[in-house]
Amino acid sequence: MLAAAAIGIVIDSLLIAAGVLVNANGNAYLPLWLACIWLMFASCLSHVFSWLHERLFWASLLGAVFAPLSYWSGVQLGSMAFGFSVWISLLVFAGIWALLMPLLVWSAGCVFKQSA
């Protein structure tokens, strides 16, 4: 769980450093609330997303569609902003999550099988 959260925190920090994602208050670092969201998401990988452990194509597709919508929702709430146009930003997030989601659910599935 901590490894998955760390991966997400690093990726979002890199996206902020690259200017793809911008803090609404102008700070150049990942806000604490976003790190906490990563911890909560990572805690769901072995149970909530367990049905995806053997369905990596679906994990990729769902990550590419729904993760960018999650970031877009955060932007709509005013907590973050996109550094590029909406469509470019959403495509960047879709590409990242198309790779990240299957990696995370696959690794959680491996850990879950070992602990069972």
C-alpha atoms as a PDB file:
ATOM      1  CA  MET A   1       0.000   0.000   0.000  1.00  0.00           C
ATOM      2  CA  LEU A   2       2.754   2.446   0.883  1.00  0.00           C
ATOM      3  CA  ALA A   3       4.657   1.648  -2.312  1.00  0.00           C
ATOM      4  CA  ALA A   4       1.571   2.323  -4.441  1.00  0.00           C
ATOM      5  CA  ALA A   5       0.920   5.584  -2.605  1.00  0.00           C
ATOM      6  CA  ALA A   6       4.569   6.593  -3.006  1.00  0.00           C
ATOM      7  CA  ILE A   7       4.427   5.927  -6.755  1.00  0.00           C
ATOM      8  CA  GLY A   8       1.331   8.100  -7.071  1.00  0.00           C
ATOM      9  CA  ILE A   9       2.770  10.864  -4.936  1.00  0.00           C
ATOM     10  CA  VAL A  10       5.942  10.911  -7.018  1.00  0.00           C
ATOM     11  CA  ILE A  11       3.991  10.960 -10.294  1.00  0.00           C
ATOM     12  CA  ASP A  12       1.722  13.803  -9.161  1.00  0.00           C
ATOM     13  CA  SER A  13       4.747  15.700  -7.829  1.00  0.00           C
ATOM     14  CA  LEU A  14       6.443  15.314 -11.220  1.00  0.00           C
ATOM     15  CA  LEU A  15       3.276  16.503 -12.965  1.00  0.00           C
ATOM     16  CA  ILE A  16       3.251  19.596 -10.743  1.00  0.00           C
ATOM     17  CA  ALA A  17       6.962  20.185 -11.390  1.00  0.00           C
ATOM     18  CA  ALA A  18       6.357  19.831 -15.150  1.00  0.00           C
ATOM     19  CA  GLY A  19       3.492  22.313 -15.009  1.00  0.00           C
ATOM     20  CA  VAL A  20       0.801  19.872 -16.146  1.00  0.00           C
ATOM     21  CA  LEU A  21      -0.961  20.219 -12.790  1.00  0.00           C
ATOM     22  CA  VAL A  22      -0.873  23.520 -10.899  1.00  0.00           C
ATOM     23  CA  ASN A  23      -1.780  24.255  -7.285  1.00  0.00           C
ATOM     24  CA  ALA A  24      -4.581  26.795  -7.128  1.00  0.00           C
ATOM     25  CA  ASN A  25      -2.608  28.717  -4.478  1.00  0.00           C
ATOM     26  CA  GLY A  26       0.525  28.776  -6.643  1.00  0.00           C
ATOM     27  CA  ASN A  27       2.726  26.512  -4.509  1.00  0.00           C
ATOM     28  CA  ALA A  28       5.148  24.286  -6.403  1.00  0.00           C
ATOM     29  CA  TYR A  29       4.694  21.204  -4.237  1.00  0.00           C
ATOM     30  CA  LEU A  30       2.137  18.442  -3.805  1.00  0.00           C
ATOM     31  CA  PRO A  31      -0.532  19.438  -1.275  1.00  0.00           C
ATOM     32  CA  LEU A  32      -0.992  17.208   1.758  1.00  0.00           C
ATOM     33  CA  TRP A  33      -4.627  16.474   0.880  1.00  0.00           C
ATOM     34  CA  LEU A  34      -3.541  15.023  -2.476  1.00  0.00           C
ATOM     35  CA  ALA A  35      -0.988  12.761  -0.769  1.00  0.00           C
ATOM     36  CA  CYS A  36      -3.773  11.583   1.565  1.00  0.00           C
ATOM     37  CA  ILE A  37      -5.997  10.792  -1.437  1.00  0.00           C
ATOM     38  CA  TRP A  38      -3.172   8.619  -2.777  1.00  0.00           C
ATOM     39  CA  LEU A  39      -2.981   6.756   0.533  1.00  0.00           C
ATOM     40  CA  MET A  40      -6.734   6.140   0.478  1.00  0.00           C
ATOM     41  CA  PHE A  41      -6.647   5.023  -3.167  1.00  0.00           C
ATOM     42  CA  ALA A  42      -3.751   2.646  -2.469  1.00  0.00           C
ATOM     43  CA  SER A  43      -5.697   1.071   0.382  1.00  0.00           C
ATOM     44  CA  CYS A  44      -8.442   0.112  -2.121  1.00  0.00           C
ATOM     45  CA  LEU A  45      -6.206  -1.735  -4.563  1.00  0.00           C
ATOM     46  CA  SER A  46      -6.266  -5.194  -3.008  1.00  0.00           C
ATOM     47  CA  HIS A  47      -9.980  -5.339  -2.187  1.00  0.00           C
ATOM     48  CA  VAL A  48     -12.105  -2.839  -4.094  1.00  0.00           C
ATOM     49  CA  PHE A  49     -10.206  -3.384  -7.332  1.00  0.00           C
ATOM     50  CA  SER A  50      -9.557  -7.097  -6.777  1.00  0.00           C
ATOM     51  CA  TRP A  51     -11.794  -7.991  -9.715  1.00  0.00           C
ATOM     52  CA  LEU A  52      -9.266  -6.209 -11.963  1.00  0.00           C
ATOM     53  CA  HIS A  53      -6.246  -8.243 -10.810  1.00  0.00           C
ATOM     54  CA  GLU A  54      -6.642 -10.673 -13.719  1.00  0.00           C
ATOM     55  CA  ARG A  55      -8.216  -8.145 -16.117  1.00  0.00           C
ATOM     56  CA  LEU A  56      -5.374  -5.772 -16.897  1.00  0.00           C
ATOM     57  CA  PHE A  57      -6.909  -4.534 -20.156  1.00  0.00           C
ATOM     58  CA  TRP A  58      -9.965  -3.345 -18.217  1.00  0.00           C
ATOM     59  CA  ALA A  59      -7.742  -1.805 -15.568  1.00  0.00           C
ATOM     60  CA  SER A  60      -5.948   0.138 -18.290  1.00  0.00           C
ATOM     61  CA  LEU A  61      -9.163   1.255 -19.945  1.00  0.00           C
ATOM     62  CA  LEU A  62     -10.840   2.272 -16.688  1.00  0.00           C
ATOM     63  CA  GLY A  63      -7.702   4.104 -15.538  1.00  0.00           C
ATOM     64  CA  ALA A  64      -7.467   5.976 -18.850  1.00  0.00           C
ATOM     65  CA  VAL A  65     -11.104   7.097 -18.648  1.00  0.00           C
ATOM     66  CA  PHE A  66     -11.917   7.678 -14.994  1.00  0.00           C
ATOM     67  CA  ALA A  67      -8.651   8.974 -13.537  1.00  0.00           C
ATOM     68  CA  PRO A  68      -8.555  12.004 -15.862  1.00  0.00           C
ATOM     69  CA  LEU A  69     -12.175  12.708 -14.892  1.00  0.00           C
ATOM     70  CA  SER A  70     -11.086  12.679 -11.263  1.00  0.00           C
ATOM     71  CA  TYR A  71      -8.416  15.297 -11.925  1.00  0.00           C
ATOM     72  CA  TRP A  72     -10.863  17.328 -14.012  1.00  0.00           C
ATOM     73  CA  SER A  73     -13.309  17.257 -11.074  1.00  0.00           C
ATOM     74  CA  GLY A  74     -10.600  18.593  -8.776  1.00  0.00           C
ATOM     75  CA  VAL A  75      -9.944  21.401 -11.222  1.00  0.00           C
ATOM     76  CA  GLN A  76     -13.674  22.187 -11.381  1.00  0.00           C
ATOM     77  CA  LEU A  77     -13.729  22.450  -7.573  1.00  0.00           C
ATOM     78  CA  GLY A  78     -10.938  25.009  -7.742  1.00  0.00           C
ATOM     79  CA  SER A  79      -8.363  23.058  -5.766  1.00  0.00           C
ATOM     80  CA  MET A  80      -6.008  22.572  -8.705  1.00  0.00           C
ATOM     81  CA  ALA A  81      -5.644  23.892 -12.250  1.00  0.00           C
ATOM     82  CA  PHE A  82      -4.349  22.489 -15.505  1.00  0.00           C
ATOM     83  CA  GLY A  83      -1.132  24.020 -16.776  1.00  0.00           C
ATOM     84  CA  PHE A  84      -2.047  23.226 -20.379  1.00  0.00           C
ATOM     85  CA  SER A  85      -5.333  23.140 -22.235  1.00  0.00           C
ATOM     86  CA  VAL A  86      -7.994  20.856 -20.789  1.00  0.00           C
ATOM     87  CA  TRP A  87      -7.738  18.318 -23.626  1.00  0.00           C
ATOM     88  CA  ILE A  88      -3.934  18.132 -23.568  1.00  0.00           C
ATOM     89  CA  SER A  89      -3.969  17.714 -19.781  1.00  0.00           C
ATOM     90  CA  LEU A  90      -6.663  15.029 -19.924  1.00  0.00           C
ATOM     91  CA  LEU A  91      -4.720  13.136 -22.601  1.00  0.00           C
ATOM     92  CA  VAL A  92      -1.563  13.259 -20.470  1.00  0.00           C
ATOM     93  CA  PHE A  93      -3.463  11.875 -17.492  1.00  0.00           C
ATOM     94  CA  ALA A  94      -5.148   9.231 -19.646  1.00  0.00           C
ATOM     95  CA  GLY A  95      -1.787   8.030 -20.947  1.00  0.00           C
ATOM     96  CA  ILE A  96      -0.231   7.891 -17.507  1.00  0.00           C
ATOM     97  CA  TRP A  97      -3.200   6.090 -15.967  1.00  0.00           C
ATOM     98  CA  ALA A  98      -3.523   3.640 -18.859  1.00  0.00           C
ATOM     99  CA  LEU A  99      -0.101   2.374 -17.736  1.00  0.00           C
ATOM    100  CA  LEU A 100      -0.307   3.063 -14.000  1.00  0.00           C
ATOM    101  CA  MET A 101      -3.638   1.425 -13.158  1.00  0.00           C
ATOM    102  CA  PRO A 102      -2.775  -2.049 -14.518  1.00  0.00           C
ATOM    103  CA  LEU A 103       0.630  -1.844 -12.840  1.00  0.00           C
ATOM    104  CA  LEU A 104      -0.925  -0.979  -9.486  1.00  0.00           C
ATOM    105  CA  VAL A 105      -3.703  -3.580  -9.578  1.00  0.00           C
ATOM    106  CA  TRP A 106      -1.325  -6.272 -10.838  1.00  0.00           C
ATOM    107  CA  SER A 107       1.199  -5.579  -8.067  1.00  0.00           C
ATOM    108  CA  ALA A 108      -1.577  -5.456  -5.458  1.00  0.00           C
ATOM    109  CA  GLY A 109      -2.834  -8.792  -6.769  1.00  0.00           C
ATOM    110  CA  CYS A 110       0.636 -10.314  -6.397  1.00  0.00           C
ATOM    111  CA  VAL A 111       0.945  -9.060  -2.823  1.00  0.00           C
ATOM    112  CA  PHE A 112      -2.594 -10.184  -1.986  1.00  0.00           C
ATOM    113  CA  LYS A 113      -1.958 -13.707  -3.307  1.00  0.00           C
ATOM    114  CA  GLN A 114       1.249 -13.992  -1.259  1.00  0.00           C
ATOM    115  CA  SER A 115      -0.447 -12.908   1.959  1.00  0.00           C
ATOM    116  CA  ALA A 116      -3.472 -15.183   1.513  1.00  0.00           C
END
